[in-house]
């Protein structure tokens, strides 16, 4: 079951801050980093803007835009504005694969961001392994599925959402202890 508000704004801010610290050397040498220019960092987002999960996809995109607009208004990340290149996958795994290939081959984005759902992400993960030499990673996919949490794909994903297994335990009474 999808749950909103699983991640607090403080949690997101913490992850963004840690990510920025880790990316500092990369951004300093941006002349050779895909998707990073002297003024911009481009992220690729493939999500459901149509189809059965369009409300979820739109909320993720709009929420992301609000936050990135805030970051950009404060000067961006080391002076670079964050821009999302957006494609609609309609919650269709094959369209997600096509969009991801476009992000990697044509758009040359810095990283993938905010993919929506298990069916799409599980089809995209093998591409990250195939294009390992391109250093493509996915940040904050909105799914609790297991494949991106275990090898070989765990090395390509930075996750913010709890696992489906953790969701199943949410609110379960274990011997008088509510978890």
Foldseek 3Di string as FASTA:
>chain_A
DADPPPAPPVRVVVVVVVVLVVCVVVLVVVVPAFQHDPAAAEEEEEEACAADCNVVRVVQVVVVVVVLVVCVVVQHRVNHRYHYDYDYQNPPQVSLQVSVCCCVPPVRHREYEAYEDDSNVVSNQVVCVVVVVSVYAYEAHRAQDDPCCDPPNVVRYHYDDHHPVVVVQQQPQDPNDGD
